[in-house]
Amino acid sequence: MVQRMTKCVICLGVFGFIFLITGCVLIPVLNNYIDSQIKETIPLKEGSDTYNTWLNPPVPIYFQIYVLDLQNPIEVVKHGAKPAFTEKGPYTYREHRQKWQISHFENGTLSYRENRSFVFEREKSSGSHEEKFTTVNLIMVTIAEIIRREYSWIQELVELVLDWGDDSNLFMKLSVKEIMWGYEDPLLKKVKAILQKYVNTTTFDDKFGLFYNQNGSDDGLYTIYSGIKSWENFGMIQLWNKESSLKFWTTRQCNMINGSDGTIFPPFEDKGRTLYIFSSDICRSIYTVYQKPVTLKGIDLMRYAVPPKVFLNHTLNPDNQGFYTPFLIRTGN
C-alpha cells in the first residue's frame, strides 16, 4: 500500500513538473501569438475592424467646458481688488467626427479630413450654455498685450480706438455658447466702422469666438501612418496640411508636429513612455505622462494626463520660449 502511494506521489510530481515546464514554455509562446495577432489586425486597412472603428468611433466623445465667473468686476476695475471667481460647469457637448477625402498611399500612409460637429448635452451639463457669466474682454486684452511693445504713438492711437477710459470694456457678460461659437464683438464692430471709411471691409468679420466657424468644419488635411509598414508608428502624424512642421512659432521645437491626434496610439505602450498629441485647436503639440491605473467595465487601463508644466510661460518652462511671440520684434532690442 505504501509502495503504491509512493508511486502515485512520484507520478503526480512528474506530471506536475511536466505541466510546469509546459506552462513556462506556452506562456511566452501564447504572448507572442497574441502580440503577432495585434500587429496583424492593428493596421488601418479598408474593411478591417480597426479601420471601421477609426472611421466611425463607437465610443461617444464628450467635450466639457468649465468657466470662471468673475464676481467683483467693479471692485477690480475701480479699486484694484483681488478678483473673486466662481467656477461653473461642466457645459458638455457631444462631439461627432466624420472622416472624408480618404486616400491610401503605397508608403504605408493615408490622408484624410475630418469634420467635427458639437451638440450641447443639457442632461450632462450643470446648466444651460446660454447662461451669462462675467469674463475678461479677450479682444481688448490681446490688443493691449500686442501694443505694449510698440511705439508710443501707436499705443496712443490704439487707445483712442479702444476707448481706454471706459473701464466697463475690460469685462464682458457672455454665455458659454457665445464665447465658444461666436458673438458680435463691439470692439471689432468699432474697428470695422473706422476701416470701412478707407478700405473695402466686406471680408472683415466682426464676430469672435474661441471655436468660431469650427462647428461642422474640418481642421485640415492629415497624413498619418496606417501601421501597414510598421506597427510602431501606427496613427502617428506624418504631415498636417502637407507640412511636416508648423510655421506659427519662433523655435523649431515649438513648431514640431509630434504624436497622433489623440484618438489612436501604437500598441504595447508602457507606463514610462511619454505620449505625444498634436492639437490643431491650440496649434501645437503637447505630451501626456502616465498618471494611474484605472478599470473601466472590467478592463484594466492606464490613465495619462497632460502635466501642468506643458502650459507654463517661458520664464517657468524654457521649452515654451518659442510660443512667446511679440507682435513686432525690433532689431537691436
Protein backbone atom coordinates (compact mmCIF):
# COMPACT_ATOMS: atom_id res chain seq x y z
CA MET A 1 0.00 0.00 0.00
CA VAL A 2 2.79 2.34 0.96
CA GLN A 3 4.70 1.43 -2.17
CA ARG A 4 1.61 2.18 -4.29
CA MET A 5 1.11 5.58 -2.67
CA THR A 6 4.77 6.37 -3.21
CA LYS A 7 4.37 5.58 -6.90
CA CYS A 8 1.30 7.85 -7.06
CA VAL A 9 3.15 10.69 -5.39
CA ILE A 10 6.08 10.26 -7.79
CA CYS A 11 3.71 10.19 -10.77
CA LEU A 12 1.90 13.31 -9.57
CA GLY A 13 5.22 15.03 -9.07
CA VAL A 14 6.38 14.09 -12.54
CA PHE A 15 3.11 15.25 -14.13
CA GLY A 16 3.21 18.46 -12.10
CA PHE A 17 6.76 19.11 -13.25
CA ILE A 18 5.76 18.43 -16.86
CA PHE A 19 2.79 20.81 -16.58
CA LEU A 20 5.03 23.46 -15.00
CA ILE A 21 7.57 23.19 -17.80
CA THR A 22 4.81 23.18 -20.41
CA GLY A 23 3.25 26.28 -18.83
CA CYS A 24 6.57 28.11 -18.77
CA VAL A 25 7.05 27.31 -22.45
CA LEU A 26 3.48 28.06 -23.53
CA ILE A 27 3.13 31.42 -21.74
CA PRO A 28 5.73 33.23 -23.89
CA VAL A 29 4.51 31.33 -26.95
CA LEU A 30 0.93 32.43 -26.22
CA ASN A 31 2.05 36.00 -25.53
CA ASN A 32 3.98 36.08 -28.80
CA TYR A 33 0.93 34.74 -30.62
CA ILE A 34 -1.31 37.44 -29.11
CA ASP A 35 1.25 40.13 -29.97
CA SER A 36 1.50 38.88 -33.55
CA GLN A 37 -2.29 38.92 -33.88
CA ILE A 38 -2.42 42.50 -32.60
CA LYS A 39 0.30 43.58 -35.03
CA GLU A 40 -1.57 41.87 -37.84
CA THR A 41 -5.01 43.37 -37.07
CA ILE A 42 -3.98 46.88 -35.98
CA PRO A 43 -3.20 48.43 -39.43
CA LEU A 44 -5.82 50.71 -40.96
CA LYS A 45 -6.85 48.52 -43.89
CA GLU A 46 -10.16 49.10 -45.61
CA GLY A 47 -12.77 46.64 -44.35
CA SER A 48 -10.91 45.70 -41.15
CA ASP A 49 -12.45 46.15 -37.70
CA THR A 50 -9.72 48.64 -36.77
CA TYR A 51 -10.42 50.68 -39.90
CA ASN A 52 -14.19 50.70 -39.32
CA THR A 53 -13.72 51.73 -35.68
CA TRP A 54 -11.35 54.51 -36.72
CA LEU A 55 -13.82 55.63 -39.39
CA ASN A 56 -16.84 55.62 -37.06
CA PRO A 57 -15.76 55.58 -33.38
CA PRO A 58 -18.31 53.53 -31.39
CA VAL A 59 -17.45 55.26 -28.12
CA PRO A 60 -19.12 58.67 -27.66
CA ILE A 61 -16.79 61.65 -27.41
CA TYR A 62 -17.71 64.41 -24.96
CA PHE A 63 -16.21 67.87 -24.86
CA GLN A 64 -16.63 69.60 -21.49
CA ILE A 65 -16.11 73.27 -20.68
CA TYR A 66 -15.63 74.93 -17.30
CA VAL A 67 -15.62 78.71 -16.88
CA LEU A 68 -14.60 81.15 -14.15
CA ASP A 69 -17.33 83.69 -13.42
CA LEU A 70 -15.87 86.96 -12.07
CA GLN A 71 -17.94 88.07 -9.07
CA ASN A 72 -16.47 91.52 -8.38
CA PRO A 73 -15.64 93.25 -11.72
CA ILE A 74 -16.40 96.78 -10.43
CA GLU A 75 -14.14 96.38 -7.40
CA VAL A 76 -11.34 95.02 -9.59
CA VAL A 77 -11.53 97.96 -12.02
CA LYS A 78 -12.24 100.80 -9.59
CA HIS A 79 -10.22 99.74 -6.57
CA GLY A 80 -7.76 97.15 -7.81
CA ALA A 81 -9.35 94.44 -5.68
CA LYS A 82 -8.30 90.83 -5.95
CA PRO A 83 -10.55 89.03 -8.47
CA ALA A 84 -13.08 86.63 -6.92
CA PHE A 85 -14.14 83.77 -9.17
CA THR A 86 -16.83 81.11 -9.08
CA GLU A 87 -16.24 78.05 -11.21
CA LYS A 88 -19.19 76.98 -13.34
CA GLY A 89 -19.55 73.81 -15.32
CA PRO A 90 -19.32 71.40 -16.85
CA TYR A 91 -21.06 72.50 -20.03
CA THR A 92 -21.00 69.34 -22.09
CA TYR A 93 -21.05 68.89 -25.85
CA ARG A 94 -21.28 65.62 -27.72
CA GLU A 95 -18.61 65.65 -30.40
CA HIS A 96 -19.31 63.95 -33.71
CA ARG A 97 -16.50 63.18 -36.14
CA GLN A 98 -16.84 62.25 -39.79
CA LYS A 99 -13.80 61.44 -41.90
CA TRP A 100 -13.80 62.17 -45.61
CA GLN A 101 -11.46 62.62 -48.59
CA ILE A 102 -9.56 59.49 -47.51
CA SER A 103 -6.61 58.46 -49.68
CA HIS A 104 -4.28 55.46 -49.21
CA PHE A 105 -0.63 55.51 -50.30
CA GLU A 106 1.89 52.78 -51.06
CA ASN A 107 4.37 54.06 -48.47
CA GLY A 108 2.06 52.97 -45.64
CA THR A 109 0.35 56.31 -45.02
CA LEU A 110 -3.14 57.61 -45.57
CA SER A 111 -4.58 61.11 -45.67
CA TYR A 112 -7.99 62.37 -44.64
CA ARG A 113 -10.06 65.29 -43.50
CA GLU A 114 -12.36 65.12 -40.52
CA ASN A 115 -15.46 67.19 -39.96
CA ARG A 116 -16.17 67.90 -36.30
CA SER A 117 -19.56 69.00 -35.01
CA PHE A 118 -20.68 69.72 -31.46
CA VAL A 119 -24.16 69.31 -29.98
CA PHE A 120 -24.95 70.64 -26.50
CA GLU A 121 -25.95 67.90 -24.00
CA ARG A 122 -28.18 69.53 -21.38
CA GLU A 123 -28.58 66.40 -19.21
CA LYS A 124 -24.81 66.09 -18.81
CA SER A 125 -24.31 69.79 -18.02
CA SER A 126 -24.66 71.84 -14.87
CA GLY A 127 -26.80 74.45 -16.63
CA SER A 128 -27.72 75.93 -19.98
CA HIS A 129 -24.88 77.03 -22.24
CA GLU A 130 -26.83 80.26 -22.78
CA GLU A 131 -26.42 81.35 -19.14
CA LYS A 132 -24.28 84.50 -18.86
CA PHE A 133 -21.05 84.80 -16.90
CA THR A 134 -18.57 87.66 -16.47
CA THR A 135 -15.23 87.22 -18.16
CA VAL A 136 -12.36 89.32 -19.41
CA ASN A 137 -12.65 91.03 -22.78
CA LEU A 138 -10.27 88.79 -24.73
CA ILE A 139 -10.06 91.08 -27.75
CA MET A 140 -9.13 94.12 -25.65
CA VAL A 141 -6.57 92.26 -23.53
CA THR A 142 -4.97 90.73 -26.63
CA ILE A 143 -4.64 94.10 -28.34
CA ALA A 144 -3.26 95.63 -25.14
CA GLU A 145 -0.60 92.91 -24.95
CA ILE A 146 0.31 93.34 -28.61
CA ILE A 147 0.81 97.12 -28.44
CA ARG A 148 2.66 97.02 -25.12
CA ARG A 149 5.96 96.85 -27.03
CA GLU A 150 5.00 99.27 -29.80
CA TYR A 151 5.99 102.92 -30.27
CA SER A 152 4.18 105.36 -28.01
CA TRP A 153 2.28 107.00 -30.89
CA ILE A 154 0.90 103.60 -31.93
CA GLN A 155 -0.18 102.95 -28.35
CA GLU A 156 -1.97 106.31 -28.18
CA LEU A 157 -3.72 105.70 -31.49
CA VAL A 158 -4.94 102.25 -30.47
CA GLU A 159 -6.04 103.54 -27.07
CA LEU A 160 -8.31 106.02 -28.83
CA VAL A 161 -9.92 103.18 -30.73
CA LEU A 162 -10.31 101.13 -27.58
CA ASP A 163 -11.87 103.99 -25.61
CA TRP A 164 -9.41 103.12 -22.91
CA GLY A 165 -11.08 105.44 -20.42
CA ASP A 166 -14.23 103.31 -20.42
CA ASP A 167 -13.41 100.79 -17.71
CA SER A 168 -16.58 98.80 -18.40
CA ASN A 169 -15.00 97.50 -21.61
CA LEU A 170 -12.47 95.42 -19.66
CA PHE A 171 -15.03 92.78 -18.68
CA MET A 172 -17.98 91.35 -20.57
CA LYS A 173 -21.04 89.26 -19.81
CA LEU A 174 -21.16 86.36 -22.22
CA SER A 175 -22.58 82.86 -22.39
CA VAL A 176 -20.57 79.71 -22.99
CA LYS A 177 -22.35 79.43 -26.34
CA GLU A 178 -21.16 82.92 -27.31
CA ILE A 179 -17.58 82.68 -26.08
CA MET A 180 -17.10 79.29 -27.77
CA TRP A 181 -19.03 79.56 -31.03
CA GLY A 182 -19.05 83.29 -31.70
CA TYR A 183 -20.65 86.62 -30.83
CA GLU A 184 -20.74 90.07 -32.39
CA ASP A 185 -17.90 91.91 -30.69
CA PRO A 186 -18.45 95.67 -30.11
CA LEU A 187 -14.74 96.47 -30.39
CA LEU A 188 -14.40 94.68 -33.72
CA LYS A 189 -17.53 96.48 -34.92
CA LYS A 190 -15.89 99.78 -33.99
CA VAL A 191 -12.72 98.86 -35.88
CA LYS A 192 -14.78 97.82 -38.89
CA ALA A 193 -16.68 101.12 -38.86
CA ILE A 194 -13.39 103.04 -38.89
CA LEU A 195 -11.79 100.90 -41.59
CA GLN A 196 -14.75 100.99 -43.96
CA LYS A 197 -14.12 104.70 -44.48
CA TYR A 198 -10.83 103.85 -46.15
CA VAL A 199 -10.93 100.24 -47.41
CA ASN A 200 -13.39 97.58 -48.51
CA THR A 201 -14.43 95.70 -45.34
CA THR A 202 -16.79 93.12 -46.87
CA THR A 203 -14.41 90.36 -45.81
CA PHE A 204 -13.80 91.82 -42.34
CA ASP A 205 -15.56 89.69 -39.71
CA ASP A 206 -16.70 91.47 -36.56
CA LYS A 207 -17.53 88.23 -34.78
CA PHE A 208 -15.26 86.41 -32.36
CA GLY A 209 -15.33 83.05 -30.58
CA LEU A 210 -12.73 80.57 -29.37
CA PHE A 211 -14.16 77.94 -31.74
CA TYR A 212 -15.80 80.37 -34.15
CA ASN A 213 -16.61 78.75 -37.53
CA GLN A 214 -15.27 75.38 -36.33
CA ASN A 215 -18.59 73.68 -35.61
CA GLY A 216 -19.26 71.49 -38.63
CA SER A 217 -15.92 72.10 -40.36
CA ASP A 218 -12.63 70.22 -40.69
CA ASP A 219 -9.34 71.34 -39.17
CA GLY A 220 -7.04 70.47 -42.04
CA LEU A 221 -5.61 67.65 -44.10
CA TYR A 222 -3.93 64.93 -42.03
CA THR A 223 -1.46 62.37 -43.33
CA ILE A 224 -0.83 59.56 -40.84
CA TYR A 225 0.95 56.22 -40.76
CA SER A 226 -1.55 53.40 -41.20
CA GLY A 227 0.59 50.78 -39.43
CA ILE A 228 0.82 48.61 -42.56
CA LYS A 229 4.58 49.05 -42.91
CA SER A 230 5.29 49.17 -39.17
CA TRP A 231 3.02 48.90 -36.13
CA GLU A 232 5.42 51.14 -34.15
CA ASN A 233 4.28 54.33 -35.94
CA PHE A 234 0.61 53.39 -36.13
CA GLY A 235 -1.55 56.53 -36.07
CA MET A 236 1.40 58.92 -35.89
CA ILE A 237 1.03 62.12 -37.91
CA GLN A 238 3.45 62.48 -40.81
CA LEU A 239 2.05 65.72 -42.28
CA TRP A 240 -0.60 68.29 -41.44
CA ASN A 241 -1.80 70.39 -44.37
CA LYS A 242 1.06 68.82 -46.34
CA GLU A 243 3.66 70.24 -43.95
CA SER A 244 5.91 68.28 -41.57
CA SER A 245 6.14 71.19 -39.12
CA LEU A 246 4.25 74.32 -38.17
CA LYS A 247 5.14 77.89 -39.11
CA PHE A 248 3.37 79.74 -36.28
CA TRP A 249 6.08 79.84 -33.62
CA THR A 250 9.66 81.07 -33.30
CA THR A 251 11.59 77.89 -32.46
CA ARG A 252 11.95 74.58 -34.25
CA GLN A 253 10.93 72.67 -31.12
CA CYS A 254 7.65 74.54 -30.71
CA ASN A 255 6.85 74.10 -34.41
CA MET A 256 7.23 70.32 -34.29
CA ILE A 257 4.22 68.11 -35.10
CA ASN A 258 4.54 65.21 -32.68
CA GLY A 259 2.45 62.14 -31.97
CA SER A 260 -1.08 61.33 -33.07
CA ASP A 261 -4.38 63.23 -32.98
CA GLY A 262 -5.05 61.74 -29.54
CA THR A 263 -7.63 59.15 -30.62
CA ILE A 264 -5.24 56.32 -31.57
CA PHE A 265 -1.77 55.23 -30.46
CA PRO A 266 0.58 52.35 -31.26
CA PRO A 267 0.01 49.18 -29.21
CA PHE A 268 2.19 47.90 -26.35
CA GLU A 269 2.64 51.25 -24.63
CA ASP A 270 4.25 51.16 -21.18
CA LYS A 271 3.97 53.39 -18.14
CA GLY A 272 7.36 55.00 -18.58
CA ARG A 273 6.73 56.22 -22.12
CA THR A 274 5.56 59.75 -22.91
CA LEU A 275 2.63 60.00 -25.33
CA TYR A 276 2.57 62.97 -27.71
CA ILE A 277 -0.54 64.58 -29.18
CA PHE A 278 -0.90 67.24 -31.85
CA SER A 279 -3.89 69.56 -31.31
CA SER A 280 -4.93 71.86 -34.13
CA ASP A 281 -7.21 73.72 -31.68
CA ILE A 282 -4.18 75.20 -29.91
CA CYS A 283 -1.83 74.98 -32.93
CA ARG A 284 0.82 72.97 -31.13
CA SER A 285 1.90 69.56 -29.89
CA ILE A 286 1.57 68.58 -26.24
CA TYR A 287 2.52 65.49 -24.29
CA THR A 288 0.94 63.27 -21.64
CA VAL A 289 2.50 61.17 -18.89
CA TYR A 290 1.26 58.12 -17.02
CA GLN A 291 -0.91 59.05 -14.06
CA LYS A 292 -2.53 55.93 -12.55
CA PRO A 293 -4.22 52.62 -13.40
CA VAL A 294 -7.98 52.65 -13.92
CA THR A 295 -10.60 49.99 -14.60
CA LEU A 296 -13.50 50.58 -16.98
CA LYS A 297 -16.17 47.90 -17.37
CA GLY A 298 -13.76 45.27 -16.09
CA ILE A 299 -10.94 46.29 -18.44
CA ASP A 300 -7.64 47.42 -16.90
CA LEU A 301 -6.45 50.68 -18.45
CA MET A 302 -3.70 53.25 -17.96
CA ARG A 303 -4.67 56.88 -17.46
CA TYR A 304 -2.42 59.52 -18.97
CA ALA A 305 -2.70 63.25 -18.27
CA VAL A 306 -1.11 66.48 -19.51
CA PRO A 307 1.25 67.80 -16.79
CA PRO A 308 0.81 71.47 -15.75
CA LYS A 309 4.38 72.20 -16.92
CA VAL A 310 3.20 71.99 -20.54
CA PHE A 311 1.29 75.28 -20.28
CA LEU A 312 3.65 77.29 -18.07
CA ASN A 313 5.02 80.52 -19.51
CA HIS A 314 8.52 80.63 -20.96
CA THR A 315 10.10 82.01 -17.78
CA LEU A 316 8.99 78.92 -15.81
CA ASN A 317 9.33 76.45 -18.67
CA PRO A 318 12.11 77.40 -21.12
CA ASP A 319 10.79 74.80 -23.59
CA ASN A 320 7.90 77.19 -24.25
CA GLN A 321 10.18 80.05 -25.31
CA GLY A 322 9.06 79.63 -28.92
CA PHE A 323 5.43 80.31 -28.02
CA TYR A 324 6.40 83.77 -26.74
CA THR A 325 5.81 85.81 -29.89
CA PRO A 326 5.87 89.62 -29.57
CA PHE A 327 3.84 91.31 -32.29
CA LEU A 328 6.90 93.09 -33.64
CA ILE A 329 10.50 92.06 -32.93
CA ARG A 330 12.80 95.02 -33.28
CA THR A 331 16.45 94.73 -34.33
CA GLY A 332 18.82 95.54 -31.50
CA ASN A 333 16.22 95.11 -28.72
